[in-house]
PDB file of N, CA and C in Angstrom:
ATOM      1  N   MET A   1      -5.746  24.659 -30.632  1.00  0.00           N
ATOM      2  CA  MET A   1      -4.938  24.827 -29.318  1.00  0.00           C
ATOM      3  C   MET A   1      -4.407  25.971 -29.652  1.00  0.00           C
ATOM      4  N   ARG A   2      -4.280  27.269 -28.478  1.00  0.00           N
ATOM      5  CA  ARG A   2      -4.105  28.667 -28.719  1.00  0.00           C
ATOM      6  C   ARG A   2      -2.644  28.091 -27.756  1.00  0.00           C
ATOM      7  N   GLY A   3      -1.306  28.894 -27.734  1.00  0.00           N
ATOM      8  CA  GLY A   3      -0.487  28.843 -27.083  1.00  0.00           C
ATOM      9  C   GLY A   3      -0.056  27.639 -26.825  1.00  0.00           C
ATOM     10  N   GLY A   4      -0.028  26.576 -28.085  1.00  0.00           N
ATOM     11  CA  GLY A   4       0.942  25.722 -28.236  1.00  0.00           C
ATOM     12  C   GLY A   4       1.048  24.700 -26.796  1.00  0.00           C
ATOM     13  N   ALA A   5      -0.363  24.809 -26.404  1.00  0.00           N
ATOM     14  CA  ALA A   5      -1.048  24.138 -25.099  1.00  0.00           C
ATOM     15  C   ALA A   5      -0.452  22.342 -25.656  1.00  0.00           C
ATOM     16  N   VAL A   6      -0.454  21.744 -24.687  1.00  0.00           N
ATOM     17  CA  VAL A   6      -0.188  20.173 -25.261  1.00  0.00           C
ATOM     18  C   VAL A   6      -1.048  19.404 -24.047  1.00  0.00           C
ATOM     19  N   PRO A   7      -2.134  19.009 -24.934  1.00  0.00           N
ATOM     20  CA  PRO A   7      -3.280  18.071 -24.047  1.00  0.00           C
ATOM     21  C   PRO A   7      -2.367  17.395 -23.484  1.00  0.00           C
ATOM     22  N   ALA A   8      -3.118  16.569 -22.437  1.00  0.00           N
ATOM     23  CA  ALA A   8      -2.532  15.665 -21.139  1.00  0.00           C
ATOM     24  C   ALA A   8      -2.792  14.094 -21.783  1.00  0.00           C
ATOM     25  N   ARG A   9      -2.003  12.969 -22.150  1.00  0.00           N
ATOM     26  CA  ARG A   9      -2.230  12.005 -22.008  1.00  0.00           C
ATOM     27  C   ARG A   9      -3.097  10.940 -21.024  1.00  0.00           C
ATOM     28  N   ARG A  10      -4.203  10.628 -21.393  1.00  0.00           N
ATOM     29  CA  ARG A  10      -4.962  10.154 -20.660  1.00  0.00           C
ATOM     30  C   ARG A  10      -4.359   8.642 -20.634  1.00  0.00           C
ATOM     31  N   SER A  11      -3.718   8.073 -21.363  1.00  0.00           N
ATOM     32  CA  SER A  11      -3.094   6.618 -21.093  1.00  0.00           C
ATOM     33  C   SER A  11      -2.261   6.294 -19.882  1.00  0.00           C
ATOM     34  N   ALA A  12      -1.855   7.423 -19.643  1.00  0.00           N
ATOM     35  CA  ALA A  12      -0.925   7.486 -18.378  1.00  0.00           C
ATOM     36  C   ALA A  12      -1.698   7.077 -17.359  1.00  0.00           C
ATOM     37  N   LEU A  13      -2.983   7.661 -16.891  1.00  0.00           N
ATOM     38  CA  LEU A  13      -3.717   7.418 -15.776  1.00  0.00           C
ATOM     39  C   LEU A  13      -4.437   6.345 -15.991  1.00  0.00           C
ATOM     40  N   ARG A  14      -4.112   4.962 -16.890  1.00  0.00           N
ATOM     41  CA  ARG A  14      -5.242   3.947 -16.200  1.00  0.00           C
ATOM     42  C   ARG A  14      -4.488   3.200 -14.931  1.00  0.00           C
ATOM     43  N   PRO A  15      -5.265   2.848 -14.445  1.00  0.00           N
ATOM     44  CA  PRO A  15      -5.606   2.179 -13.419  1.00  0.00           C
ATOM     45  C   PRO A  15      -4.413   0.746 -13.473  1.00  0.00           C
ATOM     46  N   PRO A  16      -3.479   0.304 -12.264  1.00  0.00           N
ATOM     47  CA  PRO A  16      -2.509  -0.966 -12.768  1.00  0.00           C
ATOM     48  C   PRO A  16      -3.674  -2.179 -12.799  1.00  0.00           C
ATOM     49  N   ARG A  17      -2.725  -2.932 -13.686  1.00  0.00           N
ATOM     50  CA  ARG A  17      -3.614  -4.293 -14.305  1.00  0.00           C
ATOM     51  C   ARG A  17      -3.609  -4.987 -13.013  1.00  0.00           C
ATOM     52  N   THR A  18      -4.484  -6.203 -12.950  1.00  0.00           N
ATOM     53  CA  THR A  18      -5.069  -6.719 -11.654  1.00  0.00           C
ATOM     54  C   THR A  18      -4.140  -7.988 -11.929  1.00  0.00           C
ATOM     55  N   ASP A  19      -2.851  -8.103 -12.837  1.00  0.00           N
ATOM     56  CA  ASP A  19      -1.782  -9.047 -12.598  1.00  0.00           C
ATOM     57  C   ASP A  19      -0.542  -8.539 -11.932  1.00  0.00           C
ATOM     58  N   ASN A  20      -0.542  -6.783 -11.873  1.00  0.00           N
ATOM     59  CA  ASN A  20       0.269  -6.721 -10.905  1.00  0.00           C
ATOM     60  C   ASN A  20       0.311  -6.718  -9.447  1.00  0.00           C
ATOM     61  N   LYS A  21      -1.119  -6.593  -8.869  1.00  0.00           N
ATOM     62  CA  LYS A  21      -1.891  -6.661  -7.981  1.00  0.00           C
ATOM     63  C   LYS A  21      -1.743  -7.632  -7.286  1.00  0.00           C
ATOM     64  N   VAL A  22      -2.077  -8.647  -7.820  1.00  0.00           N
ATOM     65  CA  VAL A  22      -1.203 -10.222  -7.665  1.00  0.00           C
ATOM     66  C   VAL A  22      -0.059 -10.051  -7.374  1.00  0.00           C
ATOM     67  N   VAL A  23       0.603 -10.284  -7.893  1.00  0.00           N
ATOM     68  CA  VAL A  23       2.143  -9.730  -7.809  1.00  0.00           C
ATOM     69  C   VAL A  23       2.789  -9.056  -6.621  1.00  0.00           C
ATOM     70  N   GLY A  24       2.246  -8.509  -6.501  1.00  0.00           N
ATOM     71  CA  GLY A  24       2.545  -7.215  -5.254  1.00  0.00           C
ATOM     72  C   GLY A  24       1.765  -8.002  -4.272  1.00  0.00           C
ATOM     73  N   ALA A  25       0.536  -8.786  -4.224  1.00  0.00           N
ATOM     74  CA  ALA A  25       0.171  -9.416  -2.973  1.00  0.00           C
ATOM     75  C   ALA A  25       0.713 -10.888  -2.407  1.00  0.00           C
ATOM     76  N   ALA A  26       1.129 -11.052  -3.618  1.00  0.00           N
ATOM     77  CA  ALA A  26       2.402 -12.452  -3.262  1.00  0.00           C
ATOM     78  C   ALA A  26       3.245 -12.218  -2.542  1.00  0.00           C
ATOM     79  N   ALA A  27       4.332 -11.052  -3.018  1.00  0.00           N
ATOM     80  CA  ALA A  27       5.389 -10.314  -2.378  1.00  0.00           C
ATOM     81  C   ALA A  27       5.356  -9.993  -1.033  1.00  0.00           C
ATOM     82  N   VAL A  28       4.152  -9.346  -0.694  1.00  0.00           N
ATOM     83  CA  VAL A  28       4.057  -8.928   0.793  1.00  0.00           C
ATOM     84  C   VAL A  28       3.592 -10.508   1.226  1.00  0.00           C
ATOM     85  N   VAL A  29       3.178 -11.339   1.178  1.00  0.00           N
ATOM     86  CA  VAL A  29       3.061 -12.409   2.022  1.00  0.00           C
ATOM     87  C   VAL A  29       4.231 -13.310   1.762  1.00  0.00           C
ATOM     88  N   VAL A  30       5.026 -13.181   1.072  1.00  0.00           N
ATOM     89  CA  VAL A  30       6.481 -14.268   1.200  1.00  0.00           C
ATOM     90  C   VAL A  30       7.478 -12.924   2.166  1.00  0.00           C
ATOM     91  N   ALA A  31       7.506 -12.160   1.974  1.00  0.00           N
ATOM     92  CA  ALA A  31       8.247 -11.168   2.685  1.00  0.00           C
ATOM     93  C   ALA A  31       7.872 -10.840   4.366  1.00  0.00           C
ATOM     94  N   ALA A  32       6.439 -11.135   4.878  1.00  0.00           N
ATOM     95  CA  ALA A  32       6.354 -10.765   5.607  1.00  0.00           C
ATOM     96  C   ALA A  32       6.444 -11.303   7.115  1.00  0.00           C
ATOM     97  N   PRO A  33       6.820 -12.873   6.479  1.00  0.00           N
ATOM     98  CA  PRO A  33       7.361 -13.703   7.777  1.00  0.00           C
ATOM     99  C   PRO A  33       9.324 -13.345   8.546  1.00  0.00           C
ATOM    100  N   PHE A  34       9.759 -12.559   7.363  1.00  0.00           N
ATOM    101  CA  PHE A  34      10.642 -12.088   7.808  1.00  0.00           C
ATOM    102  C   PHE A  34      11.015 -10.722   8.305  1.00  0.00           C
ATOM    103  N   ALA A  35      10.161  -9.652   7.686  1.00  0.00           N
ATOM    104  CA  ALA A  35       9.979  -8.724   7.799  1.00  0.00           C
ATOM    105  C   ALA A  35       9.433  -7.969   9.368  1.00  0.00           C
ATOM    106  N   VAL A  36       8.571  -8.856   9.411  1.00  0.00           N
ATOM    107  CA  VAL A  36       7.399  -8.771  11.096  1.00  0.00           C
ATOM    108  C   VAL A  36       8.232  -8.955  12.405  1.00  0.00           C
ATOM    109  N   GLY A  37       9.580  -9.455  12.036  1.00  0.00           N
ATOM    110  CA  GLY A  37      10.300 -10.122  13.170  1.00  0.00           C
ATOM    111  C   GLY A  37      11.141  -9.245  13.868  1.00  0.00           C
ATOM    112  N   SER A  38      11.665  -8.567  12.518  1.00  0.00           N
ATOM    113  CA  SER A  38      13.062  -7.991  12.903  1.00  0.00           C
ATOM    114  C   SER A  38      12.455  -6.306  13.038  1.00  0.00           C
ATOM    115  N   LEU A  39      11.267  -5.968  12.374  1.00  0.00           N
ATOM    116  CA  LEU A  39      10.947  -4.716  12.688  1.00  0.00           C
ATOM    117  C   LEU A  39      10.696  -3.835  13.961  1.00  0.00           C
ATOM    118  N   HIS A  40      10.455  -4.397  14.791  1.00  0.00           N
ATOM    119  CA  HIS A  40      10.151  -3.961  15.721  1.00  0.00           C
ATOM    120  C   HIS A  40      11.582  -3.422  16.713  1.00  0.00           C
ATOM    121  N   GLU A  41      12.561  -3.535  15.512  1.00  0.00           N
ATOM    122  CA  GLU A  41      13.970  -3.042  16.812  1.00  0.00           C
ATOM    123  C   GLU A  41      13.990  -1.990  16.051  1.00  0.00           C
ATOM    124  N   TYR A  42      13.408  -1.765  15.309  1.00  0.00           N
ATOM    125  CA  TYR A  42      14.043  -0.288  14.825  1.00  0.00           C
ATOM    126  C   TYR A  42      12.272   0.647  14.496  1.00  0.00           C
ATOM    127  N   ALA A  43      12.135   1.496  15.306  1.00  0.00           N
ATOM    128  CA  ALA A  43      11.488   2.383  15.818  1.00  0.00           C
ATOM    129  C   ALA A  43      11.020   3.978  14.988  1.00  0.00           C
ATOM    130  N   THR A  44      12.146   4.539  14.659  1.00  0.00           N
ATOM    131  CA  THR A  44      11.901   5.461  13.362  1.00  0.00           C
ATOM    132  C   THR A  44      11.587   5.245  11.795  1.00  0.00           C
ATOM    133  N   PRO A  45      11.949   3.557  11.571  1.00  0.00           N
ATOM    134  CA  PRO A  45      11.542   3.052   9.757  1.00  0.00           C
ATOM    135  C   PRO A  45      10.123   2.555  10.369  1.00  0.00           C
ATOM    136  N   CYS A  46       9.640   1.938  11.746  1.00  0.00           N
ATOM    137  CA  CYS A  46       8.407   1.584  11.374  1.00  0.00           C
ATOM    138  C   CYS A  46       7.553   2.792  11.501  1.00  0.00           C
ATOM    139  N   GLY A  47       7.701   3.975  11.672  1.00  0.00           N
ATOM    140  CA  GLY A  47       6.770   5.190  12.162  1.00  0.00           C
ATOM    141  C   GLY A  47       6.694   5.347  10.832  1.00  0.00           C
ATOM    142  N   SER A  48       8.003   5.560   9.896  1.00  0.00           N
ATOM    143  CA  SER A  48       7.647   6.180   8.480  1.00  0.00           C
ATOM    144  C   SER A  48       6.742   4.767   7.706  1.00  0.00           C
ATOM    145  N   LEU A  49       6.592   3.964   8.229  1.00  0.00           N
ATOM    146  CA  LEU A  49       6.057   2.948   7.483  1.00  0.00           C
ATOM    147  C   LEU A  49       4.810   2.893   7.642  1.00  0.00           C
ATOM    148  N   VAL A  50       4.225   3.109   9.129  1.00  0.00           N
ATOM    149  CA  VAL A  50       3.129   3.386   9.526  1.00  0.00           C
ATOM    150  C   VAL A  50       2.421   4.806   8.730  1.00  0.00           C
ATOM    151  N   ALA A  51       3.482   5.919   8.500  1.00  0.00           N
ATOM    152  CA  ALA A  51       2.906   6.993   7.915  1.00  0.00           C
ATOM    153  C   ALA A  51       2.586   6.917   6.540  1.00  0.00           C
ATOM    154  N   TYR A  52       3.399   6.497   5.681  1.00  0.00           N
ATOM    155  CA  TYR A  52       3.748   5.932   4.143  1.00  0.00           C
ATOM    156  C   TYR A  52       1.949   5.273   4.071  1.00  0.00           C
ATOM    157  N   SER A  53       2.013   4.108   5.200  1.00  0.00           N
ATOM    158  CA  SER A  53       0.369   3.048   4.969  1.00  0.00           C
ATOM    159  C   SER A  53      -0.526   4.233   5.396  1.00  0.00           C
ATOM    160  N   VAL A  54      -1.090   4.887   6.317  1.00  0.00           N
ATOM    161  CA  VAL A  54      -1.957   6.131   6.572  1.00  0.00           C
ATOM    162  C   VAL A  54      -1.831   6.871   4.899  1.00  0.00           C
ATOM    163  N   SER A  55      -0.988   7.653   4.832  1.00  0.00           N
ATOM    164  CA  SER A  55      -1.130   8.482   3.310  1.00  0.00           C
ATOM    165  C   SER A  55      -1.540   7.497   2.426  1.00  0.00           C
ATOM    166  N   THR A  56      -1.544   6.360   1.766  1.00  0.00           N
ATOM    167  CA  THR A  56      -1.832   5.714   0.845  1.00  0.00           C
ATOM    168  C   THR A  56      -3.147   5.617   1.187  1.00  0.00           C
ATOM    169  N   LEU A  57      -3.627   5.078   2.359  1.00  0.00           N
ATOM    170  CA  LEU A  57      -4.717   5.010   2.215  1.00  0.00           C
ATOM    171  C   LEU A  57      -5.820   5.806   2.179  1.00  0.00           C
ATOM    172  N   VAL A  58      -5.096   6.750   3.033  1.00  0.00           N
ATOM    173  CA  VAL A  58      -6.152   8.181   2.589  1.00  0.00           C
ATOM    174  C   VAL A  58      -6.015   8.952   1.248  1.00  0.00           C
ATOM    175  N   CYS A  59      -5.120   8.999   0.458  1.00  0.00           N
ATOM    176  CA  CYS A  59      -5.538   8.989  -1.411  1.00  0.00           C
ATOM    177  C   CYS A  59      -5.841   8.084  -1.975  1.00  0.00           C
ATOM    178  N   ARG A  60      -6.179   6.734  -1.432  1.00  0.00           N
ATOM    179  CA  ARG A  60      -7.017   5.749  -2.466  1.00  0.00           C
ATOM    180  C   ARG A  60      -8.440   6.128  -2.304  1.00  0.00           C
ATOM    181  N   ALA A  61      -8.730   6.381  -0.597  1.00  0.00           N
ATOM    182  CA  ALA A  61     -10.070   6.535  -0.561  1.00  0.00           C
ATOM    183  C   ALA A  61     -10.551   7.995  -1.122  1.00  0.00           C
ATOM    184  N   MET A  62      -9.569   8.799  -1.433  1.00  0.00           N
ATOM    185  CA  MET A  62      -9.947   9.988  -1.457  1.00  0.00           C
ATOM    186  C   MET A  62     -10.181   9.940  -3.549  1.00  0.00           C
ATOM    187  N   SER A  63      -9.600   9.591  -4.035  1.00  0.00           N
ATOM    188  CA  SER A  63      -8.949   8.765  -4.969  1.00  0.00           C
ATOM    189  C   SER A  63     -11.016   8.283  -5.641  1.00  0.00           C
ATOM    190  N   ALA A  64     -11.207   7.223  -4.733  1.00  0.00           N
ATOM    191  CA  ALA A  64     -12.209   6.046  -4.862  1.00  0.00           C
ATOM    192  C   ALA A  64     -13.587   6.954  -4.841  1.00  0.00           C
ATOM    193  N   ARG A  65     -13.414   7.834  -3.761  1.00  0.00           N
ATOM    194  CA  ARG A  65     -15.050   8.840  -3.618  1.00  0.00           C
ATOM    195  C   ARG A  65     -15.111  10.037  -4.874  1.00  0.00           C
ATOM    196  N   ARG A  66     -13.996  10.374  -5.706  1.00  0.00           N
ATOM    197  CA  ARG A  66     -13.904  11.255  -6.432  1.00  0.00           C
ATOM    198  C   ARG A  66     -15.016  11.554  -7.441  1.00  0.00           C
ATOM    199  N   ARG A  67     -15.187  12.501  -8.421  1.00  0.00           N
ATOM    200  CA  ARG A  67     -15.981  12.108  -9.710  1.00  0.00           C
ATOM    201  C   ARG A  67     -15.083  12.232 -10.241  1.00  0.00           C
ATOM    202  N   LYS A  68     -15.832  11.463 -11.638  1.00  0.00           N
ATOM    203  CA  LYS A  68     -14.661  11.258 -13.126  1.00  0.00           C
ATOM    204  C   LYS A  68     -14.385  12.311 -13.141  1.00  0.00           C
ATOM    205  N   GLY A  69     -15.191  13.304 -13.390  1.00  0.00           N
ATOM    206  CA  GLY A  69     -14.813  14.506 -13.812  1.00  0.00           C
ATOM    207  C   GLY A  69     -13.973  15.578 -13.522  1.00  0.00           C
ATOM    208  N   GLU A  70     -13.702  15.175 -12.022  1.00  0.00           N
ATOM    209  CA  GLU A  70     -12.392  15.625 -11.086  1.00  0.00           C
ATOM    210  C   GLU A  70     -11.324  15.100 -11.674  1.00  0.00           C
ATOM    211  N   ASP A  71     -10.234  15.947 -11.569  1.00  0.00           N
ATOM    212  CA  ASP A  71      -8.916  15.824 -11.000  1.00  0.00           C
ATOM    213  C   ASP A  71      -8.042  15.819  -9.642  1.00  0.00           C
ATOM    214  N   LEU A  72      -7.203  15.346  -8.997  1.00  0.00           N
ATOM    215  CA  LEU A  72      -6.833  15.375  -7.970  1.00  0.00           C
ATOM    216  C   LEU A  72      -5.421  16.166  -8.182  1.00  0.00           C
ATOM    217  N   ILE A  73      -4.757  15.842  -9.409  1.00  0.00           N
ATOM    218  CA  ILE A  73      -3.379  16.090  -9.222  1.00  0.00           C
ATOM    219  C   ILE A  73      -3.042  17.235  -9.940  1.00  0.00           C
TER     220      ILE A  73
END
């Protein structure tokens, strides 16, 4: 390697493990009854949550459609 370039670590790009997804889904199910009833009182945070949700879905869709050789970051 010329110029002292350091190769990127591929291990940091591993997808999340399945047990992490299970714990996240369980946390959403447990917290939803408490959160849904009170969120309608706060318009600005709700708008931010919707924007972040849409952004997450768009990024996930773009990542799912990309070719293996390309890197979006």
